[in-house]
Amino acid sequence: MKGGKWKTISSERHFADRNVEVVTDRVQTAARPDPRAWTIVHRKQAVVIAAMTGDGKIVSYSPGTDPVRQAIWEMPSGSGR
């Protein structure tokens, strides 16, 4: 492979609906000739609001839920239908 390009050997879709798709691709790179798995989440387009305070700090929040069993900081965002 020239120029560091990746070659997709195979692709398996695990889930898809109108908002999100989860796929595992087996890819080969110039640096790694043996294929390896990459799991990718494709989301529909969205807009992220990067609100800033007067002193230049970015505003984010923690939703207080525990779906992935670790702390997550989020930014306000939204998408059209």
N, C-alpha and C. Protein backbone atom coordinates (compact mmCIF):
# COMPACT_ATOMS: atom_id res chain seq x y z
N MET A 1 0.84 -1.19 0.00
CA MET A 1 0.00 0.00 0.00
C MET A 1 0.88 1.24 0.00
N LYS A 2 0.57 2.14 -0.87
CA LYS A 2 1.36 3.36 -1.00
C LYS A 2 0.75 4.50 -0.21
N GLY A 3 1.60 5.39 0.29
CA GLY A 3 1.14 6.61 0.92
C GLY A 3 0.41 6.43 2.23
N GLY A 4 0.59 5.28 2.91
CA GLY A 4 -0.05 5.08 4.19
C GLY A 4 -1.55 4.86 4.11
N LYS A 5 -2.06 4.47 2.94
CA LYS A 5 -3.50 4.24 2.80
C LYS A 5 -3.91 2.95 3.50
N TRP A 6 -5.18 2.90 3.93
CA TRP A 6 -5.74 1.72 4.57
C TRP A 6 -6.58 0.96 3.55
N LYS A 7 -6.51 -0.37 3.62
CA LYS A 7 -7.31 -1.21 2.74
C LYS A 7 -8.31 -1.99 3.60
N THR A 8 -9.59 -1.88 3.28
CA THR A 8 -10.62 -2.62 4.01
C THR A 8 -10.71 -4.02 3.43
N ILE A 9 -10.45 -5.01 4.28
CA ILE A 9 -10.49 -6.42 3.89
C ILE A 9 -11.93 -6.95 3.98
N SER A 10 -12.62 -6.60 5.07
CA SER A 10 -14.01 -7.02 5.24
C SER A 10 -14.72 -6.01 6.14
N SER A 11 -16.05 -6.06 6.11
CA SER A 11 -16.84 -5.14 6.92
C SER A 11 -18.08 -5.89 7.41
N GLU A 12 -18.39 -5.75 8.71
CA GLU A 12 -19.56 -6.41 9.29
C GLU A 12 -20.40 -5.38 10.03
N ARG A 13 -21.66 -5.25 9.64
CA ARG A 13 -22.58 -4.32 10.31
C ARG A 13 -23.22 -5.04 11.48
N HIS A 14 -23.10 -4.44 12.68
CA HIS A 14 -23.68 -5.03 13.89
C HIS A 14 -25.06 -4.46 14.19
N PHE A 15 -25.25 -3.19 13.87
CA PHE A 15 -26.51 -2.52 14.19
C PHE A 15 -26.65 -1.30 13.29
N ALA A 16 -27.90 -0.99 12.93
CA ALA A 16 -28.16 0.24 12.18
C ALA A 16 -29.61 0.65 12.38
N ASP A 17 -29.81 1.94 12.57
CA ASP A 17 -31.14 2.53 12.53
C ASP A 17 -31.00 3.89 11.86
N ARG A 18 -32.00 4.74 11.94
CA ARG A 18 -31.94 6.01 11.20
C ARG A 18 -30.94 7.01 11.78
N ASN A 19 -30.43 6.75 13.00
CA ASN A 19 -29.53 7.69 13.65
C ASN A 19 -28.08 7.22 13.76
N VAL A 20 -27.87 5.92 13.81
CA VAL A 20 -26.53 5.40 14.10
C VAL A 20 -26.33 4.04 13.43
N GLU A 21 -25.07 3.77 13.09
CA GLU A 21 -24.68 2.47 12.53
C GLU A 21 -23.37 2.04 13.20
N VAL A 22 -23.29 0.77 13.63
CA VAL A 22 -22.08 0.23 14.24
C VAL A 22 -21.51 -0.84 13.32
N VAL A 23 -20.26 -0.67 12.91
CA VAL A 23 -19.61 -1.55 11.94
C VAL A 23 -18.22 -1.93 12.45
N THR A 24 -17.83 -3.18 12.22
CA THR A 24 -16.44 -3.58 12.46
C THR A 24 -15.80 -3.86 11.11
N ASP A 25 -14.75 -3.10 10.81
CA ASP A 25 -13.98 -3.30 9.58
C ASP A 25 -12.67 -4.01 9.92
N ARG A 26 -12.27 -4.95 9.09
CA ARG A 26 -10.92 -5.52 9.20
C ARG A 26 -10.10 -4.78 8.16
N VAL A 27 -9.05 -4.10 8.62
CA VAL A 27 -8.27 -3.25 7.74
C VAL A 27 -6.80 -3.64 7.75
N GLN A 28 -6.15 -3.30 6.66
CA GLN A 28 -4.71 -3.54 6.50
C GLN A 28 -4.08 -2.19 6.20
N THR A 29 -2.97 -1.90 6.86
CA THR A 29 -2.27 -0.64 6.63
C THR A 29 -0.84 -0.93 6.19
N ALA A 30 -0.17 0.09 5.71
CA ALA A 30 1.23 -0.07 5.31
C ALA A 30 2.09 -0.46 6.52
N ALA A 31 1.75 0.07 7.69
CA ALA A 31 2.52 -0.22 8.90
C ALA A 31 2.17 -1.57 9.50
N ARG A 32 0.97 -2.09 9.22
CA ARG A 32 0.52 -3.37 9.77
C ARG A 32 -0.06 -4.23 8.65
N PRO A 33 0.75 -5.08 8.04
CA PRO A 33 0.25 -5.91 6.94
C PRO A 33 -0.78 -6.95 7.38
N ASP A 34 -0.76 -7.38 8.66
CA ASP A 34 -1.78 -8.31 9.14
C ASP A 34 -3.04 -7.52 9.46
N PRO A 35 -4.18 -7.90 8.89
CA PRO A 35 -5.42 -7.15 9.13
C PRO A 35 -5.77 -7.08 10.61
N ARG A 36 -6.33 -5.94 11.03
CA ARG A 36 -6.79 -5.78 12.41
C ARG A 36 -8.19 -5.22 12.39
N ALA A 37 -8.92 -5.43 13.47
CA ALA A 37 -10.32 -5.00 13.55
C ALA A 37 -10.43 -3.59 14.10
N TRP A 38 -11.28 -2.78 13.48
CA TRP A 38 -11.62 -1.43 13.95
C TRP A 38 -13.14 -1.35 14.02
N THR A 39 -13.67 -1.06 15.19
CA THR A 39 -15.11 -0.88 15.32
C THR A 39 -15.41 0.61 15.23
N ILE A 40 -16.35 0.95 14.37
CA ILE A 40 -16.64 2.34 14.04
C ILE A 40 -18.12 2.60 14.27
N VAL A 41 -18.43 3.77 14.84
CA VAL A 41 -19.81 4.20 15.01
C VAL A 41 -20.03 5.37 14.07
N HIS A 42 -20.90 5.18 13.09
CA HIS A 42 -21.27 6.24 12.16
C HIS A 42 -22.55 6.88 12.69
N ARG A 43 -22.52 8.20 12.85
CA ARG A 43 -23.71 8.92 13.31
C ARG A 43 -24.18 9.86 12.22
N LYS A 44 -25.48 10.18 12.26
CA LYS A 44 -25.96 11.17 11.31
C LYS A 44 -25.35 12.52 11.68
N GLN A 45 -25.38 13.45 10.76
CA GLN A 45 -24.78 14.76 11.00
C GLN A 45 -25.45 15.45 12.17
N ALA A 46 -24.64 16.18 12.93
CA ALA A 46 -25.14 16.92 14.08
C ALA A 46 -24.36 18.21 14.21
N VAL A 47 -24.87 19.09 15.02
CA VAL A 47 -24.20 20.35 15.31
C VAL A 47 -23.83 20.37 16.78
N VAL A 48 -22.60 20.77 17.08
CA VAL A 48 -22.15 20.89 18.47
C VAL A 48 -22.05 22.38 18.80
N ILE A 49 -22.62 22.76 19.92
CA ILE A 49 -22.56 24.13 20.38
C ILE A 49 -21.33 24.28 21.28
N ALA A 50 -20.38 25.11 20.87
CA ALA A 50 -19.18 25.34 21.68
C ALA A 50 -19.35 26.66 22.42
N ALA A 51 -20.10 26.61 23.51
CA ALA A 51 -20.34 27.82 24.31
C ALA A 51 -19.10 28.16 25.12
N MET A 52 -18.76 29.46 25.17
CA MET A 52 -17.59 29.92 25.92
C MET A 52 -17.99 30.98 26.93
N THR A 53 -17.30 30.96 28.05
CA THR A 53 -17.50 31.99 29.07
C THR A 53 -16.72 33.23 28.67
N GLY A 54 -16.94 34.33 29.38
CA GLY A 54 -16.23 35.57 29.08
C GLY A 54 -14.72 35.45 29.19
N ASP A 55 -14.23 34.51 30.01
CA ASP A 55 -12.78 34.34 30.15
C ASP A 55 -12.23 33.22 29.26
N GLY A 56 -13.02 32.77 28.26
CA GLY A 56 -12.52 31.84 27.25
C GLY A 56 -12.59 30.37 27.60
N LYS A 57 -13.32 29.99 28.64
CA LYS A 57 -13.44 28.58 29.00
C LYS A 57 -14.62 27.96 28.24
N ILE A 58 -14.44 26.72 27.78
CA ILE A 58 -15.49 25.99 27.08
C ILE A 58 -16.48 25.42 28.10
N VAL A 59 -17.78 25.53 27.81
CA VAL A 59 -18.82 25.01 28.69
C VAL A 59 -19.13 23.58 28.29
N SER A 60 -19.08 22.65 29.25
CA SER A 60 -19.48 21.26 29.03
C SER A 60 -20.23 20.80 30.27
N TYR A 61 -20.79 19.61 30.22
CA TYR A 61 -21.53 19.12 31.38
C TYR A 61 -21.41 17.60 31.48
N SER A 62 -21.67 17.09 32.66
CA SER A 62 -21.72 15.66 32.89
C SER A 62 -23.17 15.29 33.16
N PRO A 63 -23.76 14.41 32.34
CA PRO A 63 -25.19 14.14 32.46
C PRO A 63 -25.60 13.40 33.72
N GLY A 64 -24.65 12.86 34.47
CA GLY A 64 -24.98 12.18 35.72
C GLY A 64 -25.52 10.78 35.54
N THR A 65 -25.44 10.22 34.33
CA THR A 65 -25.86 8.84 34.11
C THR A 65 -24.62 7.96 34.04
N ASP A 66 -24.84 6.66 34.13
CA ASP A 66 -23.71 5.73 34.19
C ASP A 66 -23.85 4.61 33.16
N PRO A 67 -24.16 4.92 31.87
CA PRO A 67 -24.36 3.84 30.91
C PRO A 67 -23.09 3.10 30.52
N VAL A 68 -21.93 3.74 30.61
CA VAL A 68 -20.68 3.08 30.22
C VAL A 68 -19.73 2.90 31.39
N ARG A 69 -20.23 3.15 32.59
CA ARG A 69 -19.48 2.94 33.83
C ARG A 69 -18.19 3.74 33.93
N GLN A 70 -18.23 4.96 33.43
CA GLN A 70 -17.12 5.88 33.60
C GLN A 70 -17.62 7.30 33.43
N ALA A 71 -16.86 8.25 33.90
CA ALA A 71 -17.26 9.66 33.79
C ALA A 71 -17.14 10.12 32.35
N ILE A 72 -18.16 10.80 31.88
CA ILE A 72 -18.18 11.32 30.52
C ILE A 72 -18.57 12.78 30.56
N TRP A 73 -17.84 13.61 29.86
CA TRP A 73 -18.20 15.03 29.73
C TRP A 73 -18.74 15.24 28.34
N GLU A 74 -19.84 15.97 28.25
CA GLU A 74 -20.49 16.18 26.96
C GLU A 74 -20.63 17.66 26.67
N MET A 75 -20.88 17.96 25.39
CA MET A 75 -21.17 19.31 24.97
C MET A 75 -22.57 19.33 24.38
N PRO A 76 -23.32 20.42 24.57
CA PRO A 76 -24.66 20.48 23.99
C PRO A 76 -24.58 20.30 22.47
N SER A 77 -25.49 19.50 21.92
CA SER A 77 -25.51 19.26 20.48
C SER A 77 -26.92 18.92 20.04
N GLY A 78 -27.12 18.85 18.74
CA GLY A 78 -28.43 18.48 18.22
C GLY A 78 -28.34 18.17 16.75
N SER A 79 -29.38 17.52 16.25
CA SER A 79 -29.41 17.19 14.83
C SER A 79 -30.83 17.37 14.31
N GLY A 80 -30.94 17.56 13.02
CA GLY A 80 -32.25 17.68 12.39
C GLY A 80 -32.86 16.31 12.19
N ARG A 81 -34.09 16.29 11.85
CA ARG A 81 -34.75 15.00 11.62
C ARG A 81 -34.48 14.46 10.26
